[in-house]
Amino acid sequence: MSEWPEVRNNDRRYPYRGDGARPRVPQGGPPQYGQPGQPGAPGGHRDDGYNTGQVYGHGGGPAAPRGGGPGRTKRPNWRKRITIGLLAFLAVVLVVSVSTYFWADSKLRREVDLGKVEDRPPGGEGTNYLIVGSDSREGLTEQDKKELHTGSADGKRTDSMMILHTGDNGTTMLSLPRDSYVTIPAFTGQKTGKRFPASAHKLNAAYADGGPELLVRTIEFNTGLHIDHYAEIGFGGFRSLVDSLGGVDMCLDKPVKDRDSGADLKAGCQTLDGKQSLAFVRQRHQEADQDLGRMRNQQKFLNTLAKQAASPSTVLNPFTLYPVIGSGLDTLVVDDDMELWDLTSMFWAMKGVTGGDGKQMTVPIGNANLATRGDGVAVKWDPVKSKQLFEQLKKDEKVTVE
């Protein structure tokens, strides 16, 4: 024990000598840990006996490093770093996805007003898309027309028409021959304003006379199916879409050579560019059943195209994805109620048919060589089987008609 009285100064305890001089550490042996003069104790002192004014440890002096011996560094918090990195990545993906969606949605050409279609049947179960391939030469130069063997005819006609039905009982892709002999209901001419009575003609005449709206009305009138959405692509858009994909892989059972379409393809598996693809889906003269054979080729090609467009190598590669979206949407004409989500669902349904999750067929044919008075040879549907098929699609039942 110290020989001097102690006084409290700023919560520290100092021995007070009473003569005004600085207090000294009492003699009698080294200070003990935790006592005045020992590092880490309140009121630490120098070893010469004078108060330094510094306190070690909690008393104000330099503290010993936490977590062990001198020089030990703090371990990085990897869990925190990984969490922050993951959140940043998800934020970037979200921003890019939303931006891409609105960019793509803004490119849709919503030019068909299904609200103008007269006498529409009530909506059924499931969703019906009418997919049309037209011979539109929009955007093609004279050189393009020559290379693609499109000719230079004015106006637009339909080269192919398909109804894609999706519902709880699977997907059905139904081709409608353009030469189908059907009733075109009464309509008002777009240019003349004249009212034309109902009459029997080939199906593609409806498009030529009254555009997409009259084509939709004619199909609804003859099938009883309510068309929910419309999508149309022309020659130029078709070629650009295929080229942006880097071509479409097709396997042909036999060589294809057709002077009118320009097709000149070898047998076997190969990658078709835009020009070759357009020639392939247009040719029909080499097919034994002409237009019906062409429709089978068109179904096969479109399913393969949809499969490649929805593949990871396309969707996850921005250098492929954005050109494909741009090429496809720049020339794709749709109805004004078509949302980008609806279009995506349509392509996924087509891809599903390719994978076996659906059925591809042509409307049942009763007579493929029907002689008509003013329209040449046409195609007549089988009245019993076609009616049964349309009823099954309308009720979204499993298709059993062959």
Protein backbone atom coordinates (compact mmCIF):
# COMPACT_ATOMS: atom_id res chain seq x y z
CA MET A 1 0.00 0.00 0.00
CA SER A 2 1.20 3.52 -0.86
CA GLU A 3 2.58 5.75 1.86
CA TRP A 4 0.82 8.80 0.46
CA PRO A 5 -2.86 9.58 0.56
CA GLU A 6 -4.71 9.10 -2.68
CA VAL A 7 -6.83 11.70 -4.49
CA ARG A 8 -9.21 11.17 -7.42
CA ASN A 9 -8.37 13.13 -10.57
CA ASN A 10 -10.57 12.61 -13.66
CA ASP A 11 -11.65 9.19 -12.47
CA ARG A 12 -8.05 8.07 -12.15
CA ARG A 13 -6.34 7.26 -8.88
CA TYR A 14 -2.97 8.95 -8.22
CA PRO A 15 -0.87 8.82 -5.09
CA TYR A 16 -0.57 12.33 -3.67
CA ARG A 17 2.73 13.28 -2.08
CA GLY A 18 1.70 16.61 -0.64
CA ASP A 19 4.75 18.70 -1.60
CA GLY A 20 3.50 19.85 -5.02
CA ALA A 21 5.88 17.63 -6.93
CA ARG A 22 4.74 15.02 -9.35
CA PRO A 23 3.73 11.83 -7.68
CA ARG A 24 6.08 8.92 -7.90
CA VAL A 25 5.40 5.28 -8.10
CA PRO A 26 5.88 3.76 -4.70
CA GLN A 27 9.05 1.79 -4.32
CA GLY A 28 9.03 -1.75 -3.25
CA GLY A 29 8.86 -3.87 -6.37
CA PRO A 30 7.50 -3.87 -9.87
CA PRO A 31 3.89 -2.83 -10.34
CA GLN A 32 1.39 -5.59 -10.83
CA TYR A 33 -0.89 -5.93 -13.86
CA GLY A 34 -3.96 -3.85 -13.42
CA GLN A 35 -2.27 -1.52 -10.93
CA PRO A 36 -1.12 2.04 -11.66
CA GLY A 37 1.97 1.99 -13.81
CA GLN A 38 1.05 -1.25 -15.62
CA PRO A 39 -0.01 -1.10 -19.28
CA GLY A 40 -3.73 -1.52 -19.63
CA ALA A 41 -4.49 -0.07 -16.17
CA PRO A 42 -6.15 3.28 -15.44
CA GLY A 43 -3.72 6.07 -14.85
CA GLY A 44 -0.78 4.28 -16.47
CA HIS A 45 2.69 5.63 -15.58
CA ARG A 46 6.09 5.61 -17.14
CA ASP A 47 8.58 3.24 -15.68
CA ASP A 48 10.65 6.20 -14.38
CA GLY A 49 7.86 6.99 -11.99
CA TYR A 50 6.32 9.96 -13.73
CA ASN A 51 2.80 10.08 -14.99
CA THR A 52 2.74 10.22 -18.80
CA GLY A 53 -0.84 11.37 -19.01
CA GLN A 54 -1.58 8.36 -21.24
CA VAL A 55 -3.68 5.44 -20.29
CA TYR A 56 -3.23 2.04 -21.90
CA GLY A 57 -6.05 -0.18 -22.90
CA HIS A 58 -9.38 1.32 -21.95
CA GLY A 59 -7.62 4.18 -20.20
CA GLY A 60 -6.65 5.95 -23.45
CA GLY A 61 -3.38 4.38 -24.59
CA PRO A 62 -2.84 2.30 -27.70
CA ALA A 63 -5.03 -0.81 -27.51
CA ALA A 64 -3.78 -4.25 -28.40
CA PRO A 65 -5.12 -5.65 -31.71
CA ARG A 66 -8.37 -7.57 -31.35
CA GLY A 67 -8.69 -11.21 -32.24
CA GLY A 68 -5.27 -12.38 -31.21
CA GLY A 69 -1.67 -11.48 -31.62
CA PRO A 70 -0.10 -8.44 -33.27
CA GLY A 71 -0.58 -8.00 -37.06
CA ARG A 72 -3.67 -10.19 -37.40
CA THR A 73 -6.12 -8.88 -40.09
CA LYS A 74 -9.89 -9.15 -40.12
CA ARG A 75 -11.29 -11.95 -42.30
CA PRO A 76 -13.47 -10.84 -45.29
CA ASN A 77 -17.20 -11.50 -44.96
CA TRP A 78 -17.69 -13.63 -48.08
CA ARG A 79 -21.36 -14.26 -47.39
CA LYS A 80 -22.04 -10.54 -47.40
CA ARG A 81 -20.00 -9.98 -50.54
CA ILE A 82 -21.75 -12.80 -52.43
CA THR A 83 -25.18 -11.51 -51.35
CA ILE A 84 -24.39 -7.97 -52.54
CA GLY A 85 -22.99 -9.27 -55.83
CA LEU A 86 -26.05 -11.44 -56.44
CA LEU A 87 -28.44 -8.57 -55.73
CA ALA A 88 -26.49 -6.31 -58.10
CA PHE A 89 -26.62 -8.96 -60.83
CA LEU A 90 -30.36 -9.46 -60.41
CA ALA A 91 -30.90 -5.70 -60.55
CA VAL A 92 -28.99 -5.48 -63.85
CA VAL A 93 -30.93 -8.43 -65.31
CA LEU A 94 -34.23 -6.83 -64.25
CA VAL A 95 -33.35 -3.47 -65.81
CA VAL A 96 -32.18 -5.08 -69.06
CA SER A 97 -35.24 -7.34 -69.25
CA VAL A 98 -37.71 -4.51 -68.67
CA SER A 99 -35.92 -2.27 -71.18
CA THR A 100 -35.88 -5.05 -73.78
CA TYR A 101 -39.58 -5.75 -73.25
CA PHE A 102 -40.63 -2.15 -73.83
CA TRP A 103 -38.25 -1.78 -76.78
CA ALA A 104 -39.63 -4.90 -78.44
CA ASP A 105 -43.23 -4.00 -77.63
CA SER A 106 -42.78 -0.60 -79.28
CA LYS A 107 -41.71 -2.28 -82.53
CA LEU A 108 -44.92 -4.28 -82.96
CA ARG A 109 -46.91 -3.10 -85.97
CA ARG A 110 -50.46 -3.16 -84.62
CA GLU A 111 -52.22 -2.44 -87.91
CA VAL A 112 -55.16 -4.88 -87.93
CA ASP A 113 -58.36 -3.86 -86.17
CA LEU A 114 -60.35 -7.00 -85.38
CA GLY A 115 -63.01 -4.74 -83.93
CA LYS A 116 -64.06 -3.95 -87.51
CA VAL A 117 -64.84 -7.58 -88.29
CA GLU A 118 -68.58 -8.07 -88.75
CA ASP A 119 -70.84 -10.78 -87.28
CA ARG A 120 -68.21 -12.45 -85.15
CA PRO A 121 -68.92 -15.80 -83.46
CA PRO A 122 -68.72 -15.94 -79.65
CA GLY A 123 -65.39 -16.76 -78.13
CA GLY A 124 -64.68 -20.40 -77.35
CA GLU A 125 -62.30 -22.13 -74.99
CA GLY A 126 -58.57 -21.67 -75.47
CA THR A 127 -56.88 -19.15 -77.79
CA ASN A 128 -56.87 -19.07 -81.60
CA TYR A 129 -54.09 -17.32 -83.53
CA LEU A 130 -54.41 -16.78 -87.28
CA ILE A 131 -50.89 -16.85 -88.77
CA VAL A 132 -50.61 -15.55 -92.31
CA GLY A 133 -47.72 -15.55 -94.74
CA SER A 134 -48.33 -12.93 -97.40
CA ASP A 135 -46.57 -12.20 -100.66
CA SER A 136 -45.98 -8.62 -99.59
CA ARG A 137 -42.90 -7.16 -101.28
CA GLU A 138 -42.65 -4.28 -98.84
CA GLY A 139 -39.02 -3.20 -98.38
CA LEU A 140 -37.70 -5.22 -101.32
CA THR A 141 -35.67 -3.59 -104.08
CA GLU A 142 -36.04 -4.57 -107.69
CA GLN A 143 -32.84 -6.60 -107.33
CA ASP A 144 -34.30 -8.33 -104.24
CA LYS A 145 -37.44 -9.25 -106.16
CA LYS A 146 -35.35 -10.72 -108.95
CA GLU A 147 -33.14 -12.76 -106.62
CA LEU A 148 -36.08 -14.03 -104.56
CA HIS A 149 -38.23 -14.83 -107.63
CA THR A 150 -41.14 -12.87 -106.13
CA GLY A 151 -42.27 -11.05 -109.25
CA SER A 152 -43.55 -7.49 -109.06
CA ALA A 153 -47.30 -7.92 -108.69
CA ASP A 154 -49.15 -5.08 -106.98
CA GLY A 155 -51.11 -5.59 -103.79
CA LYS A 156 -50.84 -8.52 -101.40
CA ARG A 157 -52.10 -12.07 -101.41
CA THR A 158 -51.82 -14.88 -98.91
CA ASP A 159 -49.34 -17.65 -99.56
CA SER A 160 -50.17 -19.56 -96.36
CA MET A 161 -52.77 -19.52 -93.59
CA MET A 162 -52.69 -21.43 -90.32
CA ILE A 163 -54.81 -21.50 -87.19
CA LEU A 164 -52.77 -22.15 -84.07
CA HIS A 165 -55.05 -23.29 -81.24
CA THR A 166 -53.73 -23.42 -77.68
CA GLY A 167 -55.63 -24.67 -74.65
CA ASP A 168 -55.81 -27.18 -71.83
CA ASN A 169 -55.81 -30.11 -74.26
CA GLY A 170 -52.63 -29.22 -76.07
CA THR A 171 -51.75 -27.27 -79.17
CA THR A 172 -53.06 -27.83 -82.69
CA MET A 173 -51.53 -26.24 -85.77
CA LEU A 174 -54.13 -26.36 -88.52
CA SER A 175 -53.27 -25.36 -92.10
CA LEU A 176 -55.96 -23.94 -94.37
CA PRO A 177 -55.25 -24.35 -98.12
CA ARG A 178 -55.27 -21.00 -99.85
CA ASP A 179 -57.32 -22.60 -102.64
CA SER A 180 -60.05 -23.72 -100.21
CA TYR A 181 -63.43 -23.16 -101.82
CA VAL A 182 -65.42 -21.29 -99.18
CA THR A 183 -68.20 -18.75 -98.79
CA ILE A 184 -66.95 -15.18 -98.57
CA PRO A 185 -69.66 -13.37 -96.61
CA ALA A 186 -71.13 -10.06 -97.73
CA PHE A 187 -68.68 -7.18 -97.33
CA THR A 188 -68.06 -3.57 -98.24
CA GLY A 189 -65.15 -2.94 -100.62
CA GLN A 190 -62.27 -1.03 -99.03
CA LYS A 191 -61.61 1.13 -102.08
CA THR A 192 -64.97 1.38 -103.80
CA GLY A 193 -67.25 1.40 -100.76
CA LYS A 194 -69.56 -0.87 -102.72
CA ARG A 195 -71.45 -3.65 -100.94
CA PHE A 196 -70.78 -7.12 -102.33
CA PRO A 197 -73.11 -10.04 -101.62
CA ALA A 198 -71.95 -13.36 -100.21
CA SER A 199 -70.36 -15.63 -102.83
CA ALA A 200 -68.22 -18.76 -103.15
CA HIS A 201 -64.54 -18.25 -104.01
CA LYS A 202 -61.09 -19.40 -103.03
CA LEU A 203 -60.05 -18.42 -99.52
CA ASN A 204 -57.13 -16.22 -100.56
CA ALA A 205 -59.55 -14.03 -102.54
CA ALA A 206 -60.91 -12.71 -99.24
CA TYR A 207 -57.54 -11.22 -98.35
CA ALA A 208 -57.07 -9.76 -101.81
CA ASP A 209 -60.52 -8.12 -101.73
CA GLY A 210 -60.80 -6.97 -98.14
CA GLY A 211 -57.47 -7.37 -96.40
CA PRO A 212 -56.89 -9.05 -93.02
CA GLU A 213 -60.29 -8.07 -91.62
CA LEU A 214 -62.24 -9.79 -94.42
CA LEU A 215 -59.93 -12.81 -94.25
CA VAL A 216 -60.63 -13.15 -90.52
CA ARG A 217 -64.35 -12.77 -91.09
CA THR A 218 -64.33 -15.40 -93.85
CA ILE A 219 -62.45 -17.91 -91.69
CA GLU A 220 -64.74 -17.29 -88.72
CA PHE A 221 -67.82 -17.59 -90.96
CA ASN A 222 -66.73 -20.97 -92.39
CA THR A 223 -65.25 -22.52 -89.23
CA GLY A 224 -67.31 -21.03 -86.40
CA LEU A 225 -64.03 -20.36 -84.55
CA HIS A 226 -63.39 -17.00 -82.92
CA ILE A 227 -59.97 -15.63 -83.97
CA ASP A 228 -58.36 -14.00 -80.95
CA HIS A 229 -55.14 -12.72 -82.54
CA TYR A 230 -53.69 -12.10 -86.00
CA ALA A 231 -50.03 -12.23 -87.14
CA GLU A 232 -48.74 -11.69 -90.68
CA ILE A 233 -45.24 -11.65 -92.18
CA GLY A 234 -44.20 -10.84 -95.75
CA PHE A 235 -41.38 -12.00 -98.03
CA GLY A 236 -38.81 -9.45 -96.89
CA GLY A 237 -39.46 -9.93 -93.19
CA PHE A 238 -39.29 -13.68 -93.54
CA ARG A 239 -35.88 -13.56 -95.24
CA SER A 240 -34.46 -11.09 -92.69
CA LEU A 241 -35.70 -13.13 -89.76
CA VAL A 242 -34.03 -16.32 -91.03
CA ASP A 243 -30.76 -14.53 -91.79
CA SER A 244 -30.66 -12.93 -88.34
CA LEU A 245 -30.89 -16.42 -86.85
CA GLY A 246 -27.90 -17.49 -88.89
CA GLY A 247 -30.11 -19.75 -91.00
CA VAL A 248 -32.48 -22.59 -90.17
CA ASP A 249 -31.37 -26.22 -90.02
CA MET A 250 -33.51 -28.49 -92.19
CA CYS A 251 -33.28 -32.13 -93.22
CA LEU A 252 -34.74 -32.89 -96.66
CA ASP A 253 -35.71 -36.37 -97.77
CA LYS A 254 -35.09 -35.54 -101.43
CA PRO A 255 -33.62 -32.75 -103.55
CA VAL A 256 -35.87 -29.77 -104.17
CA LYS A 257 -35.69 -27.89 -107.44
CA ASP A 258 -38.38 -25.44 -108.55
CA ARG A 259 -37.99 -22.80 -111.24
CA ASP A 260 -40.85 -20.57 -110.12
CA SER A 261 -39.73 -20.18 -106.48
CA GLY A 262 -36.01 -20.47 -107.23
CA ALA A 263 -35.55 -23.47 -104.93
CA ASP A 264 -32.44 -25.54 -105.69
CA LEU A 265 -31.65 -27.65 -102.63
CA LYS A 266 -29.85 -30.94 -102.14
CA ALA A 267 -31.13 -33.87 -100.09
CA GLY A 268 -29.93 -34.28 -96.50
CA CYS A 269 -29.43 -32.01 -93.49
CA GLN A 270 -28.28 -28.47 -94.20
CA THR A 271 -28.60 -24.86 -93.05
CA LEU A 272 -30.88 -22.74 -95.23
CA ASP A 273 -30.33 -18.99 -95.41
CA GLY A 274 -33.15 -16.50 -95.86
CA LYS A 275 -33.27 -16.72 -99.64
CA GLN A 276 -33.22 -20.53 -99.67
CA SER A 277 -35.82 -20.74 -96.89
CA LEU A 278 -38.25 -18.49 -98.72
CA ALA A 279 -37.86 -20.55 -101.89
CA PHE A 280 -38.42 -23.77 -99.93
CA VAL A 281 -41.69 -22.71 -98.26
CA ARG A 282 -43.06 -21.25 -101.51
CA GLN A 283 -42.36 -24.14 -103.89
CA ARG A 284 -45.20 -26.53 -104.67
CA HIS A 285 -44.79 -27.81 -108.22
CA GLN A 286 -42.50 -30.63 -107.12
CA GLU A 287 -45.04 -31.86 -104.57
CA ALA A 288 -47.41 -34.60 -105.71
CA ASP A 289 -50.36 -32.88 -104.06
CA GLN A 290 -49.20 -29.36 -104.92
CA ASP A 291 -50.52 -26.86 -102.36
CA LEU A 292 -51.13 -29.53 -99.69
CA GLY A 293 -47.51 -30.65 -99.93
CA ARG A 294 -46.36 -27.06 -99.66
CA MET A 295 -48.38 -26.60 -96.45
CA ARG A 296 -46.64 -29.60 -94.89
CA ASN A 297 -43.27 -28.03 -95.72
CA GLN A 298 -44.40 -24.71 -94.28
CA GLN A 299 -45.50 -26.31 -91.02
CA LYS A 300 -42.25 -28.21 -90.72
CA PHE A 301 -40.18 -25.12 -91.43
CA LEU A 302 -42.07 -22.77 -89.09
CA ASN A 303 -41.88 -25.24 -86.23
CA THR A 304 -38.11 -25.59 -86.72
CA LEU A 305 -37.69 -21.82 -86.95
CA ALA A 306 -39.64 -21.31 -83.71
CA LYS A 307 -37.54 -23.95 -81.98
CA GLN A 308 -34.27 -22.27 -82.97
CA ALA A 309 -35.55 -18.78 -82.13
CA ALA A 310 -36.49 -19.95 -78.61
CA SER A 311 -33.30 -21.95 -78.02
CA PRO A 312 -30.81 -20.93 -75.28
CA SER A 313 -28.17 -20.19 -77.92
CA THR A 314 -30.46 -17.43 -79.23
CA VAL A 315 -32.19 -16.19 -76.08
CA LEU A 316 -29.00 -15.98 -73.98
CA ASN A 317 -26.86 -14.40 -76.70
CA PRO A 318 -27.63 -10.67 -77.04
CA PHE A 319 -25.67 -10.50 -80.32
CA THR A 320 -28.22 -12.92 -81.80
CA LEU A 321 -31.32 -12.13 -79.75
CA TYR A 322 -31.60 -8.42 -80.55
CA PRO A 323 -31.15 -8.77 -84.33
CA VAL A 324 -33.73 -11.58 -84.32
CA ILE A 325 -36.23 -9.49 -82.37
CA GLY A 326 -35.58 -6.45 -84.55
CA SER A 327 -35.84 -8.36 -87.84
CA GLY A 328 -38.96 -10.22 -86.82
CA LEU A 329 -40.91 -7.36 -85.31
CA ASP A 330 -40.04 -4.73 -87.90
CA THR A 331 -42.07 -6.55 -90.55
CA LEU A 332 -44.57 -8.49 -88.43
CA VAL A 333 -48.10 -7.11 -88.70
CA VAL A 334 -50.42 -7.96 -85.79
CA ASP A 335 -53.82 -6.99 -84.44
CA ASP A 336 -54.10 -3.96 -82.21
CA ASP A 337 -54.87 -6.07 -79.12
CA MET A 338 -51.77 -8.24 -79.51
CA GLU A 339 -49.36 -7.79 -76.60
CA LEU A 340 -45.74 -8.91 -76.67
CA TRP A 341 -46.66 -11.58 -74.13
CA ASP A 342 -49.31 -12.96 -76.53
CA LEU A 343 -46.76 -13.08 -79.34
CA THR A 344 -44.26 -14.86 -77.10
CA SER A 345 -46.92 -17.41 -76.12
CA MET A 346 -47.64 -18.03 -79.79
CA PHE A 347 -43.98 -18.78 -80.57
CA TRP A 348 -43.62 -21.03 -77.54
CA ALA A 349 -46.72 -22.94 -78.63
CA MET A 350 -45.21 -23.42 -82.10
CA LYS A 351 -41.98 -24.61 -80.48
CA GLY A 352 -44.01 -27.08 -78.40
CA VAL A 353 -45.56 -28.59 -81.51
CA THR A 354 -42.05 -29.25 -82.84
CA GLY A 355 -41.19 -31.05 -79.62
CA GLY A 356 -44.21 -33.35 -79.94
CA ASP A 357 -46.41 -31.42 -77.52
CA GLY A 358 -49.20 -30.87 -80.02
CA LYS A 359 -50.62 -31.85 -83.37
CA GLN A 360 -49.97 -30.68 -86.92
CA MET A 361 -52.67 -31.21 -89.50
CA THR A 362 -54.50 -29.85 -92.51
CA VAL A 363 -58.23 -29.26 -92.52
CA PRO A 364 -59.87 -32.53 -93.70
CA ILE A 365 -60.15 -32.51 -97.48
CA GLY A 366 -63.12 -33.94 -99.37
CA ASN A 367 -61.98 -33.07 -102.89
CA ALA A 368 -58.53 -31.67 -103.69
CA ASN A 369 -59.38 -31.07 -107.35
CA LEU A 370 -62.76 -29.40 -107.31
CA ALA A 371 -63.64 -27.84 -110.65
CA THR A 372 -65.26 -24.40 -110.32
CA ARG A 373 -66.86 -22.05 -112.84
CA GLY A 374 -64.71 -18.99 -112.41
CA ASP A 375 -61.90 -19.90 -110.01
CA GLY A 376 -60.29 -22.87 -111.69
CA VAL A 377 -59.43 -25.94 -109.62
CA ALA A 378 -60.07 -25.53 -105.90
CA VAL A 379 -60.00 -27.55 -102.68
CA LYS A 380 -63.21 -28.63 -100.97
CA TRP A 381 -63.24 -29.42 -97.26
CA ASP A 382 -64.80 -32.63 -95.97
CA PRO A 383 -68.09 -31.28 -94.55
CA VAL A 384 -68.47 -33.90 -91.78
CA LYS A 385 -64.90 -34.22 -90.57
CA SER A 386 -64.13 -30.51 -90.78
CA LYS A 387 -67.23 -29.62 -88.79
CA GLN A 388 -66.28 -32.16 -86.11
CA LEU A 389 -62.75 -30.75 -85.97
CA PHE A 390 -63.93 -27.16 -85.60
CA GLU A 391 -66.30 -28.16 -82.78
CA GLN A 392 -63.48 -29.89 -80.92
CA LEU A 393 -61.26 -26.85 -81.24
CA LYS A 394 -64.05 -24.49 -80.21
CA LYS A 395 -64.69 -26.49 -77.02
CA ASP A 396 -60.94 -27.04 -76.48
CA GLU A 397 -61.43 -30.80 -76.56
CA LYS A 398 -58.80 -33.34 -77.55
CA VAL A 399 -58.57 -33.47 -81.33
CA THR A 400 -59.48 -36.94 -82.59
CA VAL A 401 -60.15 -36.11 -86.25
CA GLU A 402 -57.50 -37.40 -88.62
